[in-house]
ModelCIF file with pLDDT and N, C-alpha, C, O atoms, coordinates in Angstrom:
data_MODEL
#
_entry.id   MODEL 
#
_entity.id                         1 
_entity.type                       polymer 
_entity.pdbx_number_of_molecules   1 
#
_entity_poly.entity_id                      1 
_entity_poly.type                           'polypeptide(L)' 
_entity_poly.nstd_linkage                   no 
_entity_poly.nstd_monomer                   no 
_entity_poly.pdbx_seq_one_letter_code       VAVQTALPGNRLVAVSTESGKIETLLHLEHAFVFNPRWSPDGRQVAF 
_entity_poly.pdbx_seq_one_letter_code_can   VAVQTALPGNRLVAVSTESGKIETLLHLEHAFVFNPRWSPDGRQVAF 
_entity_poly.pdbx_strand_id                 A 
#
loop_
_entity_poly_seq.entity_id 
_entity_poly_seq.num 
_entity_poly_seq.mon_id 
_entity_poly_seq.hetero 
1 1  VAL n 
1 2  ALA n 
1 3  VAL n 
1 4  GLN n 
1 5  THR n 
1 6  ALA n 
1 7  LEU n 
1 8  PRO n 
1 9  GLY n 
1 10 ASN n 
1 11 ARG n 
1 12 LEU n 
1 13 VAL n 
1 14 ALA n 
1 15 VAL n 
1 16 SER n 
1 17 THR n 
1 18 GLU n 
1 19 SER n 
1 20 GLY n 
1 21 LYS n 
1 22 ILE n 
1 23 GLU n 
1 24 THR n 
1 25 LEU n 
1 26 LEU n 
1 27 HIS n 
1 28 LEU n 
1 29 GLU n 
1 30 HIS n 
1 31 ALA n 
1 32 PHE n 
1 33 VAL n 
1 34 PHE n 
1 35 ASN n 
1 36 PRO n 
1 37 ARG n 
1 38 TRP n 
1 39 SER n 
1 40 PRO n 
1 41 ASP n 
1 42 GLY n 
1 43 ARG n 
1 44 GLN n 
1 45 VAL n 
1 46 ALA n 
1 47 PHE n 
#
_struct_asym.id          A 
_struct_asym.entity_id   1 
#
loop_
_ma_qa_metric.id 
_ma_qa_metric.mode 
_ma_qa_metric.name 
_ma_qa_metric.software_group_id 
_ma_qa_metric.type 
1 global pLDDT . pLDDT 
2 local  pLDDT . pLDDT 
#
_ma_qa_metric_global.metric_id      1 
_ma_qa_metric_global.metric_value   93.79 
_ma_qa_metric_global.model_id       1 
_ma_qa_metric_global.ordinal_id     1 
#
loop_
_ma_qa_metric_local.label_asym_id 
_ma_qa_metric_local.label_comp_id 
_ma_qa_metric_local.label_seq_id 
_ma_qa_metric_local.metric_id 
_ma_qa_metric_local.metric_value 
_ma_qa_metric_local.model_id 
_ma_qa_metric_local.ordinal_id 
A VAL 1  2 97.00 1 1  
A ALA 2  2 97.00 1 2  
A VAL 3  2 95.00 1 3  
A GLN 4  2 94.00 1 4  
A THR 5  2 89.00 1 5  
A ALA 6  2 85.00 1 6  
A LEU 7  2 80.00 1 7  
A PRO 8  2 80.00 1 8  
A GLY 9  2 83.00 1 9  
A ASN 10 2 92.00 1 10 
A ARG 11 2 94.00 1 11 
A LEU 12 2 97.00 1 12 
A VAL 13 2 97.00 1 13 
A ALA 14 2 97.00 1 14 
A VAL 15 2 97.00 1 15 
A SER 16 2 97.00 1 16 
A THR 17 2 96.00 1 17 
A GLU 18 2 95.00 1 18 
A SER 19 2 94.00 1 19 
A GLY 20 2 94.00 1 20 
A LYS 21 2 95.00 1 21 
A ILE 22 2 96.00 1 22 
A GLU 23 2 96.00 1 23 
A THR 24 2 96.00 1 24 
A LEU 25 2 97.00 1 25 
A LEU 26 2 96.00 1 26 
A HIS 27 2 94.00 1 27 
A LEU 28 2 89.00 1 28 
A GLU 29 2 84.00 1 29 
A HIS 30 2 84.00 1 30 
A ALA 31 2 89.00 1 31 
A PHE 32 2 93.00 1 32 
A VAL 33 2 95.00 1 33 
A PHE 34 2 95.00 1 34 
A ASN 35 2 96.00 1 35 
A PRO 36 2 97.00 1 36 
A ARG 37 2 97.00 1 37 
A TRP 38 2 98.00 1 38 
A SER 39 2 97.00 1 39 
A PRO 40 2 96.00 1 40 
A ASP 41 2 96.00 1 41 
A GLY 42 2 96.00 1 42 
A ARG 43 2 96.00 1 43 
A GLN 44 2 97.00 1 44 
A VAL 45 2 98.00 1 45 
A ALA 46 2 98.00 1 46 
A PHE 47 2 97.00 1 47 
#
loop_
_atom_site.group_PDB 
_atom_site.id 
_atom_site.type_symbol 
_atom_site.label_atom_id 
_atom_site.label_alt_id 
_atom_site.label_comp_id 
_atom_site.label_asym_id 
_atom_site.label_entity_id 
_atom_site.label_seq_id 
_atom_site.pdbx_PDB_ins_code 
_atom_site.Cartn_x 
_atom_site.Cartn_y 
_atom_site.Cartn_z 
_atom_site.occupancy 
_atom_site.B_iso_or_equiv 
_atom_site.pdbx_formal_charge 
_atom_site.auth_seq_id 
_atom_site.auth_comp_id 
_atom_site.auth_asym_id 
_atom_site.auth_atom_id 
_atom_site.pdbx_PDB_model_num 
ATOM 1   N N  . VAL A 1 1  ? -20.846 -20.190 27.174 1.00 97.00 ? 1  VAL A N  1 
ATOM 2   C CA . VAL A 1 1  ? -19.587 -19.479 27.327 1.00 97.00 ? 1  VAL A CA 1 
ATOM 3   C C  . VAL A 1 1  ? -18.615 -20.067 26.315 1.00 97.00 ? 1  VAL A C  1 
ATOM 4   O O  . VAL A 1 1  ? -18.587 -21.280 26.109 1.00 97.00 ? 1  VAL A O  1 
ATOM 5   N N  . ALA A 1 2  ? -17.818 -19.212 25.684 1.00 97.00 ? 2  ALA A N  1 
ATOM 6   C CA . ALA A 1 2  ? -16.896 -19.661 24.644 1.00 97.00 ? 2  ALA A CA 1 
ATOM 7   C C  . ALA A 1 2  ? -15.705 -18.722 24.596 1.00 97.00 ? 2  ALA A C  1 
ATOM 8   O O  . ALA A 1 2  ? -15.700 -17.668 25.232 1.00 97.00 ? 2  ALA A O  1 
ATOM 9   N N  . VAL A 1 3  ? -14.694 -19.119 23.833 1.00 95.00 ? 3  VAL A N  1 
ATOM 10  C CA . VAL A 1 3  ? -13.528 -18.278 23.577 1.00 95.00 ? 3  VAL A CA 1 
ATOM 11  C C  . VAL A 1 3  ? -13.681 -17.663 22.191 1.00 95.00 ? 3  VAL A C  1 
ATOM 12  O O  . VAL A 1 3  ? -14.005 -18.359 21.229 1.00 95.00 ? 3  VAL A O  1 
ATOM 13  N N  . GLN A 1 4  ? -13.448 -16.367 22.095 1.00 94.00 ? 4  GLN A N  1 
ATOM 14  C CA . GLN A 1 4  ? -13.523 -15.676 20.803 1.00 94.00 ? 4  GLN A CA 1 
ATOM 15  C C  . GLN A 1 4  ? -12.160 -15.095 20.458 1.00 94.00 ? 4  GLN A C  1 
ATOM 16  O O  . GLN A 1 4  ? -11.554 -14.395 21.269 1.00 94.00 ? 4  GLN A O  1 
ATOM 17  N N  . THR A 1 5  ? -11.682 -15.383 19.264 1.00 89.00 ? 5  THR A N  1 
ATOM 18  C CA . THR A 1 5  ? -10.438 -14.793 18.795 1.00 89.00 ? 5  THR A CA 1 
ATOM 19  C C  . THR A 1 5  ? -10.633 -13.299 18.602 1.00 89.00 ? 5  THR A C  1 
ATOM 20  O O  . THR A 1 5  ? -11.571 -12.867 17.933 1.00 89.00 ? 5  THR A O  1 
ATOM 21  N N  . ALA A 1 6  ? -9.743  -12.517 19.191 1.00 85.00 ? 6  ALA A N  1 
ATOM 22  C CA . ALA A 1 6  ? -9.789  -11.057 19.078 1.00 85.00 ? 6  ALA A CA 1 
ATOM 23  C C  . ALA A 1 6  ? -8.352  -10.582 18.969 1.00 85.00 ? 6  ALA A C  1 
ATOM 24  O O  . ALA A 1 6  ? -7.775  -10.091 19.940 1.00 85.00 ? 6  ALA A O  1 
ATOM 25  N N  . LEU A 1 7  ? -7.774  -10.731 17.780 1.00 80.00 ? 7  LEU A N  1 
ATOM 26  C CA . LEU A 1 7  ? -6.354  -10.464 17.564 1.00 80.00 ? 7  LEU A CA 1 
ATOM 27  C C  . LEU A 1 7  ? -5.944  -9.115  18.126 1.00 80.00 ? 7  LEU A C  1 
ATOM 28  O O  . LEU A 1 7  ? -6.657  -8.126  17.954 1.00 80.00 ? 7  LEU A O  1 
ATOM 29  N N  . PRO A 1 8  ? -4.780  -9.064  18.808 1.00 80.00 ? 8  PRO A N  1 
ATOM 30  C CA . PRO A 1 8  ? -3.738  -10.104 18.869 1.00 80.00 ? 8  PRO A CA 1 
ATOM 31  C C  . PRO A 1 8  ? -3.934  -11.117 19.991 1.00 80.00 ? 8  PRO A C  1 
ATOM 32  O O  . PRO A 1 8  ? -2.994  -11.846 20.306 1.00 80.00 ? 8  PRO A O  1 
ATOM 33  N N  . GLY A 1 9  ? -5.108  -11.195 20.606 1.00 83.00 ? 9  GLY A N  1 
ATOM 34  C CA . GLY A 1 9  ? -5.350  -12.162 21.674 1.00 83.00 ? 9  GLY A CA 1 
ATOM 35  C C  . GLY A 1 9  ? -6.697  -12.830 21.510 1.00 83.00 ? 9  GLY A C  1 
ATOM 36  O O  . GLY A 1 9  ? -7.144  -13.086 20.391 1.00 83.00 ? 9  GLY A O  1 
ATOM 37  N N  . ASN A 1 10 ? -7.345  -13.112 22.634 1.00 92.00 ? 10 ASN A N  1 
ATOM 38  C CA . ASN A 1 10 ? -8.694  -13.659 22.602 1.00 92.00 ? 10 ASN A CA 1 
ATOM 39  C C  . ASN A 1 10 ? -9.447  -13.213 23.844 1.00 92.00 ? 10 ASN A C  1 
ATOM 40  O O  . ASN A 1 10 ? -8.884  -12.509 24.683 1.00 92.00 ? 10 ASN A O  1 
ATOM 41  N N  . ARG A 1 11 ? -10.704 -13.606 23.977 1.00 94.00 ? 11 ARG A N  1 
ATOM 42  C CA . ARG A 1 11 ? -11.503 -13.176 25.121 1.00 94.00 ? 11 ARG A CA 1 
ATOM 43  C C  . ARG A 1 11 ? -12.591 -14.191 25.427 1.00 94.00 ? 11 ARG A C  1 
ATOM 44  O O  . ARG A 1 11 ? -12.950 -15.015 24.586 1.00 94.00 ? 11 ARG A O  1 
ATOM 45  N N  . LEU A 1 12 ? -13.110 -14.118 26.655 1.00 97.00 ? 12 LEU A N  1 
ATOM 46  C CA . LEU A 1 12 ? -14.230 -14.942 27.061 1.00 97.00 ? 12 LEU A CA 1 
ATOM 47  C C  . LEU A 1 12 ? -15.530 -14.219 26.724 1.00 97.00 ? 12 LEU A C  1 
ATOM 48  O O  . LEU A 1 12 ? -15.678 -13.027 26.994 1.00 97.00 ? 12 LEU A O  1 
ATOM 49  N N  . VAL A 1 13 ? -16.467 -14.955 26.133 1.00 97.00 ? 13 VAL A N  1 
ATOM 50  C CA . VAL A 1 13 ? -17.750 -14.358 25.781 1.00 97.00 ? 13 VAL A CA 1 
ATOM 51  C C  . VAL A 1 13 ? -18.876 -15.297 26.192 1.00 97.00 ? 13 VAL A C  1 
ATOM 52  O O  . VAL A 1 13 ? -18.670 -16.497 26.372 1.00 97.00 ? 13 VAL A O  1 
ATOM 53  N N  . ALA A 1 14 ? -20.080 -14.726 26.338 1.00 97.00 ? 14 ALA A N  1 
ATOM 54  C CA . ALA A 1 14 ? -21.291 -15.499 26.559 1.00 97.00 ? 14 ALA A CA 1 
ATOM 55  C C  . ALA A 1 14 ? -22.203 -15.287 25.362 1.00 97.00 ? 14 ALA A C  1 
ATOM 56  O O  . ALA A 1 14 ? -22.389 -14.155 24.914 1.00 97.00 ? 14 ALA A O  1 
ATOM 57  N N  . VAL A 1 15 ? -22.780 -16.381 24.834 1.00 97.00 ? 15 VAL A N  1 
ATOM 58  C CA . VAL A 1 15 ? -23.632 -16.314 23.651 1.00 97.00 ? 15 VAL A CA 1 
ATOM 59  C C  . VAL A 1 15 ? -25.031 -16.811 24.021 1.00 97.00 ? 15 VAL A C  1 
ATOM 60  O O  . VAL A 1 15 ? -25.178 -17.906 24.564 1.00 97.00 ? 15 VAL A O  1 
ATOM 61  N N  . SER A 1 16 ? -26.045 -16.017 23.733 1.00 97.00 ? 16 SER A N  1 
ATOM 62  C CA . SER A 1 16 ? -27.422 -16.415 24.021 1.00 97.00 ? 16 SER A CA 1 
ATOM 63  C C  . SER A 1 16 ? -27.830 -17.578 23.114 1.00 97.00 ? 16 SER A C  1 
ATOM 64  O O  . SER A 1 16 ? -27.652 -17.502 21.899 1.00 97.00 ? 16 SER A O  1 
ATOM 65  N N  . THR A 1 17 ? -28.376 -18.653 23.693 1.00 96.00 ? 17 THR A N  1 
ATOM 66  C CA . THR A 1 17 ? -28.820 -19.793 22.886 1.00 96.00 ? 17 THR A CA 1 
ATOM 67  C C  . THR A 1 17 ? -30.102 -19.480 22.117 1.00 96.00 ? 17 THR A C  1 
ATOM 68  O O  . THR A 1 17 ? -30.470 -20.218 21.203 1.00 96.00 ? 17 THR A O  1 
ATOM 69  N N  . GLU A 1 18 ? -30.783 -18.394 22.480 1.00 95.00 ? 18 GLU A N  1 
ATOM 70  C CA . GLU A 1 18 ? -32.011 -18.011 21.778 1.00 95.00 ? 18 GLU A CA 1 
ATOM 71  C C  . GLU A 1 18 ? -31.734 -17.068 20.614 1.00 95.00 ? 18 GLU A C  1 
ATOM 72  O O  . GLU A 1 18 ? -32.214 -17.281 19.500 1.00 95.00 ? 18 GLU A O  1 
ATOM 73  N N  . SER A 1 19 ? -30.950 -16.020 20.883 1.00 94.00 ? 19 SER A N  1 
ATOM 74  C CA . SER A 1 19 ? -30.735 -14.990 19.864 1.00 94.00 ? 19 SER A CA 1 
ATOM 75  C C  . SER A 1 19 ? -29.365 -15.047 19.202 1.00 94.00 ? 19 SER A C  1 
ATOM 76  O O  . SER A 1 19 ? -29.190 -14.496 18.115 1.00 94.00 ? 19 SER A O  1 
ATOM 77  N N  . GLY A 1 20 ? -28.393 -15.699 19.826 1.00 94.00 ? 20 GLY A N  1 
ATOM 78  C CA . GLY A 1 20 ? -27.034 -15.702 19.303 1.00 94.00 ? 20 GLY A CA 1 
ATOM 79  C C  . GLY A 1 20 ? -26.260 -14.438 19.642 1.00 94.00 ? 20 GLY A C  1 
ATOM 80  O O  . GLY A 1 20 ? -25.141 -14.261 19.159 1.00 94.00 ? 20 GLY A O  1 
ATOM 81  N N  . LYS A 1 21 ? -26.828 -13.549 20.465 1.00 95.00 ? 21 LYS A N  1 
ATOM 82  C CA . LYS A 1 21 ? -26.164 -12.307 20.847 1.00 95.00 ? 21 LYS A CA 1 
ATOM 83  C C  . LYS A 1 21 ? -24.924 -12.616 21.678 1.00 95.00 ? 21 LYS A C  1 
ATOM 84  O O  . LYS A 1 21 ? -24.953 -13.476 22.559 1.00 95.00 ? 21 LYS A O  1 
ATOM 85  N N  . ILE A 1 22 ? -23.833 -11.907 21.389 1.00 96.00 ? 22 ILE A N  1 
ATOM 86  C CA . ILE A 1 22 ? -22.550 -12.153 22.041 1.00 96.00 ? 22 ILE A CA 1 
ATOM 87  C C  . ILE A 1 22 ? -22.252 -11.046 23.044 1.00 96.00 ? 22 ILE A C  1 
ATOM 88  O O  . ILE A 1 22 ? -22.350 -9.864  22.716 1.00 96.00 ? 22 ILE A O  1 
ATOM 89  N N  . GLU A 1 23 ? -21.886 -11.430 24.268 1.00 96.00 ? 23 GLU A N  1 
ATOM 90  C CA . GLU A 1 23 ? -21.521 -10.481 25.320 1.00 96.00 ? 23 GLU A CA 1 
ATOM 91  C C  . GLU A 1 23 ? -20.129 -10.829 25.834 1.00 96.00 ? 23 GLU A C  1 
ATOM 92  O O  . GLU A 1 23 ? -19.861 -11.983 26.172 1.00 96.00 ? 23 GLU A O  1 
ATOM 93  N N  . THR A 1 24 ? -19.247 -9.844  25.895 1.00 96.00 ? 24 THR A N  1 
ATOM 94  C CA . THR A 1 24 ? -17.888 -10.070 26.389 1.00 96.00 ? 24 THR A CA 1 
ATOM 95  C C  . THR A 1 24 ? -17.897 -10.191 27.911 1.00 96.00 ? 24 THR A C  1 
ATOM 96  O O  . THR A 1 24 ? -18.436 -9.329  28.605 1.00 96.00 ? 24 THR A O  1 
ATOM 97  N N  . LEU A 1 25 ? -17.300 -11.259 28.423 1.00 97.00 ? 25 LEU A N  1 
ATOM 98  C CA . LEU A 1 25 ? -17.185 -11.471 29.862 1.00 97.00 ? 25 LEU A CA 1 
ATOM 99  C C  . LEU A 1 25 ? -15.825 -11.041 30.399 1.00 97.00 ? 25 LEU A C  1 
ATOM 100 O O  . LEU A 1 25 ? -15.733 -10.493 31.497 1.00 97.00 ? 25 LEU A O  1 
ATOM 101 N N  . LEU A 1 26 ? -14.770 -11.289 29.625 1.00 96.00 ? 26 LEU A N  1 
ATOM 102 C CA . LEU A 1 26 ? -13.416 -10.971 30.074 1.00 96.00 ? 26 LEU A CA 1 
ATOM 103 C C  . LEU A 1 26 ? -12.507 -10.796 28.869 1.00 96.00 ? 26 LEU A C  1 
ATOM 104 O O  . LEU A 1 26 ? -12.470 -11.648 27.982 1.00 96.00 ? 26 LEU A O  1 
ATOM 105 N N  . HIS A 1 27 ? -11.774 -9.690  28.840 1.00 94.00 ? 27 HIS A N  1 
ATOM 106 C CA . HIS A 1 27 ? -10.809 -9.436  27.776 1.00 94.00 ? 27 HIS A CA 1 
ATOM 107 C C  . HIS A 1 27 ? -9.554  -8.859  28.416 1.00 94.00 ? 27 HIS A C  1 
ATOM 108 O O  . HIS A 1 27 ? -9.571  -7.737  28.923 1.00 94.00 ? 27 HIS A O  1 
ATOM 109 N N  . LEU A 1 28 ? -8.475  -9.619  28.392 1.00 89.00 ? 28 LEU A N  1 
ATOM 110 C CA . LEU A 1 28 ? -7.224  -9.217  29.006 1.00 89.00 ? 28 LEU A CA 1 
ATOM 111 C C  . LEU A 1 28 ? -6.161  -8.991  27.939 1.00 89.00 ? 28 LEU A C  1 
ATOM 112 O O  . LEU A 1 28 ? -6.021  -9.793  27.016 1.00 89.00 ? 28 LEU A O  1 
ATOM 113 N N  . GLU A 1 29 ? -5.419  -7.904  28.065 1.00 84.00 ? 29 GLU A N  1 
ATOM 114 C CA . GLU A 1 29 ? -4.306  -7.672  27.152 1.00 84.00 ? 29 GLU A CA 1 
ATOM 115 C C  . GLU A 1 29 ? -3.125  -8.549  27.558 1.00 84.00 ? 29 GLU A C  1 
ATOM 116 O O  . GLU A 1 29 ? -2.893  -8.798  28.741 1.00 84.00 ? 29 GLU A O  1 
ATOM 117 N N  . HIS A 1 30 ? -2.396  -9.003  26.569 1.00 84.00 ? 30 HIS A N  1 
ATOM 118 C CA . HIS A 1 30 ? -1.179  -9.802  26.797 1.00 84.00 ? 30 HIS A CA 1 
ATOM 119 C C  . HIS A 1 30 ? -1.465  -11.108 27.520 1.00 84.00 ? 30 HIS A C  1 
ATOM 120 O O  . HIS A 1 30 ? -0.630  -11.587 28.287 1.00 84.00 ? 30 HIS A O  1 
ATOM 121 N N  . ALA A 1 31 ? -2.638  -11.690 27.283 1.00 89.00 ? 31 ALA A N  1 
ATOM 122 C CA . ALA A 1 31 ? -2.978  -12.985 27.886 1.00 89.00 ? 31 ALA A CA 1 
ATOM 123 C C  . ALA A 1 31 ? -3.960  -13.717 26.982 1.00 89.00 ? 31 ALA A C  1 
ATOM 124 O O  . ALA A 1 31 ? -4.734  -13.097 26.253 1.00 89.00 ? 31 ALA A O  1 
ATOM 125 N N  . PHE A 1 32 ? -3.916  -15.060 27.043 1.00 93.00 ? 32 PHE A N  1 
ATOM 126 C CA . PHE A 1 32 ? -4.839  -15.896 26.286 1.00 93.00 ? 32 PHE A CA 1 
ATOM 127 C C  . PHE A 1 32 ? -5.619  -16.769 27.253 1.00 93.00 ? 32 PHE A C  1 
ATOM 128 O O  . PHE A 1 32 ? -5.088  -17.211 28.272 1.00 93.00 ? 32 PHE A O  1 
ATOM 129 N N  . VAL A 1 33 ? -6.890  -17.016 26.928 1.00 95.00 ? 33 VAL A N  1 
ATOM 130 C CA . VAL A 1 33 ? -7.731  -17.866 27.766 1.00 95.00 ? 33 VAL A CA 1 
ATOM 131 C C  . VAL A 1 33 ? -8.146  -19.100 26.967 1.00 95.00 ? 33 VAL A C  1 
ATOM 132 O O  . VAL A 1 33 ? -8.243  -19.053 25.741 1.00 95.00 ? 33 VAL A O  1 
ATOM 133 N N  . PHE A 1 34 ? -8.392  -20.213 27.682 1.00 95.00 ? 34 PHE A N  1 
ATOM 134 C CA . PHE A 1 34 ? -8.717  -21.475 27.030 1.00 95.00 ? 34 PHE A CA 1 
ATOM 135 C C  . PHE A 1 34 ? -9.766  -22.242 27.841 1.00 95.00 ? 34 PHE A C  1 
ATOM 136 O O  . PHE A 1 34 ? -9.827  -22.125 29.065 1.00 95.00 ? 34 PHE A O  1 
ATOM 137 N N  . ASN A 1 35 ? -10.577 -23.017 27.148 1.00 96.00 ? 35 ASN A N  1 
ATOM 138 C CA . ASN A 1 35 ? -11.448 -24.048 27.726 1.00 96.00 ? 35 ASN A CA 1 
ATOM 139 C C  . ASN A 1 35 ? -12.273 -23.588 28.931 1.00 96.00 ? 35 ASN A C  1 
ATOM 140 O O  . ASN A 1 35 ? -12.097 -24.118 30.028 1.00 96.00 ? 35 ASN A O  1 
ATOM 141 N N  . PRO A 1 36 ? -13.159 -22.623 28.752 1.00 97.00 ? 36 PRO A N  1 
ATOM 142 C CA . PRO A 1 36 ? -13.989 -22.163 29.877 1.00 97.00 ? 36 PRO A CA 1 
ATOM 143 C C  . PRO A 1 36 ? -15.073 -23.171 30.241 1.00 97.00 ? 36 PRO A C  1 
ATOM 144 O O  . PRO A 1 36 ? -15.586 -23.885 29.379 1.00 97.00 ? 36 PRO A O  1 
ATOM 145 N N  . ARG A 1 37 ? -15.418 -23.223 31.533 1.00 97.00 ? 37 ARG A N  1 
ATOM 146 C CA . ARG A 1 37 ? -16.480 -24.113 32.014 1.00 97.00 ? 37 ARG A CA 1 
ATOM 147 C C  . ARG A 1 37 ? -17.320 -23.399 33.080 1.00 97.00 ? 37 ARG A C  1 
ATOM 148 O O  . ARG A 1 37 ? -16.781 -22.825 34.026 1.00 97.00 ? 37 ARG A O  1 
ATOM 149 N N  . TRP A 1 38 ? -18.637 -23.444 32.916 1.00 98.00 ? 38 TRP A N  1 
ATOM 150 C CA . TRP A 1 38 ? -19.550 -22.867 33.891 1.00 98.00 ? 38 TRP A CA 1 
ATOM 151 C C  . TRP A 1 38 ? -19.506 -23.639 35.208 1.00 98.00 ? 38 TRP A C  1 
ATOM 152 O O  . TRP A 1 38 ? -19.337 -24.858 35.212 1.00 98.00 ? 38 TRP A O  1 
ATOM 153 N N  . SER A 1 39 ? -19.657 -22.931 36.319 1.00 97.00 ? 39 SER A N  1 
ATOM 154 C CA . SER A 1 39 ? -19.840 -23.582 37.608 1.00 97.00 ? 39 SER A CA 1 
ATOM 155 C C  . SER A 1 39 ? -21.269 -24.110 37.689 1.00 97.00 ? 39 SER A C  1 
ATOM 156 O O  . SER A 1 39 ? -22.133 -23.633 36.954 1.00 97.00 ? 39 SER A O  1 
ATOM 157 N N  . PRO A 1 40 ? -21.545 -25.086 38.566 1.00 96.00 ? 40 PRO A N  1 
ATOM 158 C CA . PRO A 1 40 ? -22.893 -25.664 38.656 1.00 96.00 ? 40 PRO A CA 1 
ATOM 159 C C  . PRO A 1 40 ? -23.985 -24.647 38.977 1.00 96.00 ? 40 PRO A C  1 
ATOM 160 O O  . PRO A 1 40 ? -25.133 -24.833 38.575 1.00 96.00 ? 40 PRO A O  1 
ATOM 161 N N  . ASP A 1 41 ? -23.642 -23.558 39.705 1.00 96.00 ? 41 ASP A N  1 
ATOM 162 C CA . ASP A 1 41 ? -24.650 -22.548 40.027 1.00 96.00 ? 41 ASP A CA 1 
ATOM 163 C C  . ASP A 1 41 ? -24.745 -21.454 38.974 1.00 96.00 ? 41 ASP A C  1 
ATOM 164 O O  . ASP A 1 41 ? -25.568 -20.548 39.107 1.00 96.00 ? 41 ASP A O  1 
ATOM 165 N N  . GLY A 1 42 ? -23.916 -21.516 37.920 1.00 96.00 ? 42 GLY A N  1 
ATOM 166 C CA . GLY A 1 42 ? -23.985 -20.542 36.844 1.00 96.00 ? 42 GLY A CA 1 
ATOM 167 C C  . GLY A 1 42 ? -23.467 -19.165 37.194 1.00 96.00 ? 42 GLY A C  1 
ATOM 168 O O  . GLY A 1 42 ? -23.723 -18.207 36.464 1.00 96.00 ? 42 GLY A O  1 
ATOM 169 N N  . ARG A 1 43 ? -22.741 -19.043 38.298 1.00 96.00 ? 43 ARG A N  1 
ATOM 170 C CA . ARG A 1 43 ? -22.248 -17.735 38.724 1.00 96.00 ? 43 ARG A CA 1 
ATOM 171 C C  . ARG A 1 43 ? -20.786 -17.499 38.381 1.00 96.00 ? 43 ARG A C  1 
ATOM 172 O O  . ARG A 1 43 ? -20.336 -16.356 38.305 1.00 96.00 ? 43 ARG A O  1 
ATOM 173 N N  . GLN A 1 44 ? -20.048 -18.581 38.175 1.00 97.00 ? 44 GLN A N  1 
ATOM 174 C CA . GLN A 1 44 ? -18.625 -18.453 37.888 1.00 97.00 ? 44 GLN A CA 1 
ATOM 175 C C  . GLN A 1 44 ? -18.256 -19.246 36.634 1.00 97.00 ? 44 GLN A C  1 
ATOM 176 O O  . GLN A 1 44 ? -18.973 -20.151 36.207 1.00 97.00 ? 44 GLN A O  1 
ATOM 177 N N  . VAL A 1 45 ? -17.127 -18.876 36.070 1.00 98.00 ? 45 VAL A N  1 
ATOM 178 C CA . VAL A 1 45 ? -16.559 -19.602 34.937 1.00 98.00 ? 45 VAL A CA 1 
ATOM 179 C C  . VAL A 1 45 ? -15.105 -19.924 35.282 1.00 98.00 ? 45 VAL A C  1 
ATOM 180 O O  . VAL A 1 45 ? -14.342 -19.033 35.654 1.00 98.00 ? 45 VAL A O  1 
ATOM 181 N N  . ALA A 1 46 ? -14.729 -21.179 35.161 1.00 98.00 ? 46 ALA A N  1 
ATOM 182 C CA . ALA A 1 46 ? -13.330 -21.578 35.312 1.00 98.00 ? 46 ALA A CA 1 
ATOM 183 C C  . ALA A 1 46 ? -12.699 -21.657 33.928 1.00 98.00 ? 46 ALA A C  1 
ATOM 184 O O  . ALA A 1 46 ? -13.368 -22.033 32.965 1.00 98.00 ? 46 ALA A O  1 
ATOM 185 N N  . PHE A 1 47 ? -11.429 -21.308 33.817 1.00 97.00 ? 47 PHE A N  1 
ATOM 186 C CA . PHE A 1 47 ? -10.751 -21.324 32.520 1.00 97.00 ? 47 PHE A CA 1 
ATOM 187 C C  . PHE A 1 47 ? -9.250  -21.405 32.742 1.00 97.00 ? 47 PHE A C  1 
ATOM 188 O O  . PHE A 1 47 ? -8.484  -21.431 31.778 1.00 97.00 ? 47 PHE A O  1 
#
């Protein structure tokens, strides 16, 4: 899970460690996200 710049804001994305494919998890208008962290069960992301 990482933050991707998407001007004029940014978004949360998941990147496959095998293929490098990027999937958007959350994109909010008029908001910025920082420092995402996976939960131990892999079901949630805190940010």
